[in-house]
Amino acid sequence: MSRSLKKGPFTDLNLVKKIQNTKPGEKKMVKTWSRDSVIIPAFVGYTIGVHNGKDHISVLIVENMVGHRLGEFAPTRKFVRHGGRMQREAEAAAAEVEKQATEAATKEPEPKK
């Protein structure tokens, strides 16, 4: 359920103050635990460390992210691929075929006599 329009988007005030105290070109990451904060245009160009429950994921804010929430860019669950042994064997075979294809492409043809 979305937030009421009369209230406006939620952005943590402490996060806004931290952003205002740093310079846009700095490599310093601003850490935050506020995953529900909406990205505002003042955040563009900064790197924000969003907490995912274990550690801080660095997120470089670009224009397309404005209006989204910080938590959308720091996943909290790690995807473990499906398949098991059969999937590993199929991936290994595919990797071997790809390796052979790249070797054949990089091999120089012999000059004709």
C-alpha atoms as a PDB file:
ATOM      1  CA  MET A   1       0.000   0.000   0.000  1.00  0.00           C
ATOM      2  CA  SER A   2       1.377   3.355  -0.989  1.00  0.00           C
ATOM      3  CA  ARG A   3       1.846   6.366   1.239  1.00  0.00           C
ATOM      4  CA  SER A   4      -0.766   9.130   1.272  1.00  0.00           C
ATOM      5  CA  LEU A   5      -0.149  11.818  -1.352  1.00  0.00           C
ATOM      6  CA  LYS A   6      -0.694  14.634   1.131  1.00  0.00           C
ATOM      7  CA  LYS A   7       2.153  13.309   3.307  1.00  0.00           C
ATOM      8  CA  GLY A   8       4.614  13.036   0.430  1.00  0.00           C
ATOM      9  CA  PRO A   9       7.463  10.524   0.048  1.00  0.00           C
ATOM     10  CA  PHE A  10       9.346   9.400   3.156  1.00  0.00           C
ATOM     11  CA  THR A  11      13.060  10.129   3.321  1.00  0.00           C
ATOM     12  CA  ASP A  12      15.046   9.804   6.529  1.00  0.00           C
ATOM     13  CA  LEU A  13      16.121  13.298   7.651  1.00  0.00           C
ATOM     14  CA  ASN A  14      19.401  12.004   9.108  1.00  0.00           C
ATOM     15  CA  LEU A  15      20.270  10.552   5.696  1.00  0.00           C
ATOM     16  CA  VAL A  16      19.493  13.860   3.977  1.00  0.00           C
ATOM     17  CA  LYS A  17      21.749  15.694   6.458  1.00  0.00           C
ATOM     18  CA  LYS A  18      24.589  13.213   5.860  1.00  0.00           C
ATOM     19  CA  ILE A  19      24.270  13.692   2.106  1.00  0.00           C
ATOM     20  CA  GLN A  20      24.302  17.481   2.442  1.00  0.00           C
ATOM     21  CA  ASN A  21      27.491  17.324   4.525  1.00  0.00           C
ATOM     22  CA  THR A  22      29.409  15.378   1.859  1.00  0.00           C
ATOM     23  CA  LYS A  23      30.644  16.565  -1.512  1.00  0.00           C
ATOM     24  CA  PRO A  24      29.270  14.962  -4.707  1.00  0.00           C
ATOM     25  CA  GLY A  25      32.675  13.843  -6.039  1.00  0.00           C
ATOM     26  CA  GLU A  26      33.839  12.183  -2.811  1.00  0.00           C
ATOM     27  CA  LYS A  27      34.537   8.466  -2.797  1.00  0.00           C
ATOM     28  CA  LYS A  28      33.211   8.256   0.775  1.00  0.00           C
ATOM     29  CA  MET A  29      30.180   6.004   1.204  1.00  0.00           C
ATOM     30  CA  VAL A  30      27.280   7.279   3.328  1.00  0.00           C
ATOM     31  CA  LYS A  31      25.981   4.347   5.398  1.00  0.00           C
ATOM     32  CA  THR A  32      22.301   3.980   6.174  1.00  0.00           C
ATOM     33  CA  TRP A  33      19.926   1.436   7.647  1.00  0.00           C
ATOM     34  CA  SER A  34      16.874   3.237   6.251  1.00  0.00           C
ATOM     35  CA  ARG A  35      15.899   0.890   3.410  1.00  0.00           C
ATOM     36  CA  ASP A  36      12.427   2.421   3.179  1.00  0.00           C
ATOM     37  CA  SER A  37      13.677   5.911   2.297  1.00  0.00           C
ATOM     38  CA  VAL A  38      12.677   7.179  -1.140  1.00  0.00           C
ATOM     39  CA  ILE A  39      15.528   8.357  -3.361  1.00  0.00           C
ATOM     40  CA  ILE A  40      15.249  12.092  -4.018  1.00  0.00           C
ATOM     41  CA  PRO A  41      17.047  14.100  -6.738  1.00  0.00           C
ATOM     42  CA  ALA A  42      19.538  15.459  -4.175  1.00  0.00           C
ATOM     43  CA  PHE A  43      21.004  11.915  -3.841  1.00  0.00           C
ATOM     44  CA  VAL A  44      22.071  11.632  -7.506  1.00  0.00           C
ATOM     45  CA  GLY A  45      25.818  11.121  -7.860  1.00  0.00           C
ATOM     46  CA  TYR A  46      26.414   9.888  -4.300  1.00  0.00           C
ATOM     47  CA  THR A  47      27.317   6.407  -3.139  1.00  0.00           C
ATOM     48  CA  ILE A  48      25.068   5.158  -0.347  1.00  0.00           C
ATOM     49  CA  GLY A  49      25.764   2.046   1.710  1.00  0.00           C
ATOM     50  CA  VAL A  50      22.396   0.345   2.190  1.00  0.00           C
ATOM     51  CA  HIS A  51      22.239  -2.263   4.954  1.00  0.00           C
ATOM     52  CA  ASN A  52      20.863  -5.617   3.830  1.00  0.00           C
ATOM     53  CA  GLY A  53      20.726  -7.232   7.271  1.00  0.00           C
ATOM     54  CA  LYS A  54      24.323  -8.461   7.214  1.00  0.00           C
ATOM     55  CA  ASP A  55      26.498  -5.763   5.678  1.00  0.00           C
ATOM     56  CA  HIS A  56      26.299  -2.536   3.686  1.00  0.00           C
ATOM     57  CA  ILE A  57      25.844  -2.813  -0.074  1.00  0.00           C
ATOM     58  CA  SER A  58      27.255   0.196  -1.936  1.00  0.00           C
ATOM     59  CA  VAL A  59      24.730   1.740  -4.316  1.00  0.00           C
ATOM     60  CA  LEU A  60      25.705   4.514  -6.746  1.00  0.00           C
ATOM     61  CA  ILE A  61      22.620   6.674  -7.223  1.00  0.00           C
ATOM     62  CA  VAL A  62      21.764   7.633 -10.816  1.00  0.00           C
ATOM     63  CA  GLU A  63      18.837   9.612 -12.259  1.00  0.00           C
ATOM     64  CA  ASN A  64      16.737   6.548 -13.105  1.00  0.00           C
ATOM     65  CA  MET A  65      16.606   5.560  -9.419  1.00  0.00           C
ATOM     66  CA  VAL A  66      14.781   8.721  -8.289  1.00  0.00           C
ATOM     67  CA  GLY A  67      11.406   7.795  -6.807  1.00  0.00           C
ATOM     68  CA  HIS A  68      12.424   4.237  -5.914  1.00  0.00           C
ATOM     69  CA  ARG A  69      13.298   3.066  -2.412  1.00  0.00           C
ATOM     70  CA  LEU A  70      16.868   2.342  -1.296  1.00  0.00           C
ATOM     71  CA  GLY A  71      16.012  -1.212  -0.277  1.00  0.00           C
ATOM     72  CA  GLU A  72      15.202  -2.146  -3.863  1.00  0.00           C
ATOM     73  CA  PHE A  73      18.893  -1.978  -4.769  1.00  0.00           C
ATOM     74  CA  ALA A  74      20.255  -4.046  -1.855  1.00  0.00           C
ATOM     75  CA  PRO A  75      18.773  -7.560  -1.936  1.00  0.00           C
ATOM     76  CA  THR A  76      18.415  -9.297   1.413  1.00  0.00           C
ATOM     77  CA  ARG A  77      18.327 -12.859   0.132  1.00  0.00           C
ATOM     78  CA  LYS A  78      21.054 -14.708  -1.718  1.00  0.00           C
ATOM     79  CA  PHE A  79      19.904 -16.748  -4.705  1.00  0.00           C
ATOM     80  CA  VAL A  80      21.128 -20.339  -4.615  1.00  0.00           C
ATOM     81  CA  ARG A  81      20.809 -21.789  -8.074  1.00  0.00           C
ATOM     82  CA  HIS A  82      18.589 -24.751  -8.770  1.00  0.00           C
ATOM     83  CA  GLY A  83      19.614 -28.132 -10.076  1.00  0.00           C
ATOM     84  CA  GLY A  84      22.289 -29.788  -7.969  1.00  0.00           C
ATOM     85  CA  ARG A  85      24.683 -32.304  -9.572  1.00  0.00           C
ATOM     86  CA  MET A  86      22.969 -32.509 -12.969  1.00  0.00           C
ATOM     87  CA  GLN A  87      22.958 -28.726 -13.338  1.00  0.00           C
ATOM     88  CA  ARG A  88      26.669 -28.490 -12.433  1.00  0.00           C
ATOM     89  CA  GLU A  89      27.541 -31.130 -15.064  1.00  0.00           C
ATOM     90  CA  ALA A  90      25.526 -29.333 -17.736  1.00  0.00           C
ATOM     91  CA  GLU A  91      27.172 -25.987 -16.899  1.00  0.00           C
ATOM     92  CA  ALA A  92      30.637 -27.586 -16.957  1.00  0.00           C
ATOM     93  CA  ALA A  93      29.948 -29.085 -20.401  1.00  0.00           C
ATOM     94  CA  ALA A  94      28.687 -25.731 -21.704  1.00  0.00           C
ATOM     95  CA  ALA A  95      31.782 -23.978 -20.322  1.00  0.00           C
ATOM     96  CA  GLU A  96      34.046 -26.540 -22.041  1.00  0.00           C
ATOM     97  CA  VAL A  97      32.312 -26.005 -25.393  1.00  0.00           C
ATOM     98  CA  GLU A  98      32.631 -22.237 -25.010  1.00  0.00           C
ATOM     99  CA  LYS A  99      36.315 -22.563 -24.113  1.00  0.00           C
ATOM    100  CA  GLN A 100      36.970 -24.656 -27.229  1.00  0.00           C
ATOM    101  CA  ALA A 101      35.110 -22.137 -29.375  1.00  0.00           C
ATOM    102  CA  THR A 102      37.187 -19.225 -28.065  1.00  0.00           C
ATOM    103  CA  GLU A 103      40.427 -21.174 -28.587  1.00  0.00           C
ATOM    104  CA  ALA A 104      39.454 -21.972 -32.183  1.00  0.00           C
ATOM    105  CA  ALA A 105      38.534 -18.331 -32.835  1.00  0.00           C
ATOM    106  CA  THR A 106      41.818 -17.000 -31.450  1.00  0.00           C
ATOM    107  CA  LYS A 107      43.978 -19.544 -33.291  1.00  0.00           C
ATOM    108  CA  GLU A 108      45.629 -17.979 -36.344  1.00  0.00           C
ATOM    109  CA  PRO A 109      45.161 -19.785 -39.651  1.00  0.00           C
ATOM    110  CA  GLU A 110      48.288 -21.260 -41.242  1.00  0.00           C
ATOM    111  CA  PRO A 111      49.554 -19.413 -44.329  1.00  0.00           C
ATOM    112  CA  LYS A 112      49.026 -21.256 -47.629  1.00  0.00           C
ATOM    113  CA  LYS A 113      52.126 -22.321 -49.582  1.00  0.00           C
END
